[in-house]
């Protein structure tokens, strides 16, 4: 039985750090294990210009614990008024590494997202020209579409038409939740990839709803059937370079999660690597963990893998069950089973 595993230091290709007090509370938990992270721009107000991304990056760097080695990879929030020249300038300066597409109303702080996709065509054209990837929150928001079908419908109605109209645009399907999405990635060329979260490898929709509502498992896109969870595990543990880790770690205070209209998101930053080591070991794929967490993402984004390493050891981790913030506690994602790996 393997007692330790040394891998290149991982990166998180989809991370919510929030701002202010919450940023200062959650950032150390990502900086401990991860060297870099793609930072989500859905603040209030959202990060829509290069100047706003630079200011947000500076706030993140100021919040880092002393001695921490962590690089935030900034993104811009795509709106129907986004200026292609500002996007290109921010990319040329090395400030941003992607632009994020939120369909309007799809998830937390997405009200400023896109409703008319024709209006963002000039931005997508420029991004394709300069090689800047588009990260997509892959759900339609039409009220007549069942919430469990919104990812599959997004592929047909939105993503596939965008990729046909902009064939050289590099696209990351973020936090995929269905076998449909995994199959779509496999059926396409090297310009398409997908991130998979820690929690979607662990929970299905029964974990949220069966035997009582469990708000701390509620996320968007919502977890799907068990068959989809198993498809995601197969993709993550396959070694296929088109799949890599994006935790979508999304902190909310317990007060925000437990109210009548609770917020979507699972806070997985503190225990992601422990959970992943256990998932990959259960699936006989510990030798594929480094590719998923440390190699495939940098390769798609055109960045070198980290030179530093971390060692995962077989011992019971001491992860917190929650962290304190001035606005209240944030519950850490509970995988529902005992963990046997620590980093």
Foldseek 3Di string as FASTA:
>chain_A
DDFKDKFFQFAAAAEEQAADLSNLFQVALQLVRHQEYEYAQLYVVGAAFLVSLVVVQVRNVVSYDPPGRHHYAYEHEDALPRDLVRVVVSVVVSRHQAYEADAAPQAPNRPRHDDDVVSCVVNQQSCLVVVRAYEYQQFDDPPVDPLQCGNVVSVVPPVVVSCVSRVSHQYEDEQDAFLSVVVVQVVDDLSYAYEHALLSLQDAVCVQPPPHGDLLQFAPSHHHDPVGSVSVLCSLLVLPLRYAHHHQQDWDAPVQSPDPDHHHHAHASNCRVQSVCVSCVVVVRNVSNNSRGFNSVCVSSVHDTHPHMDMKGFAFDDTDQWTATPVHITGHDDSPDGTGIDD
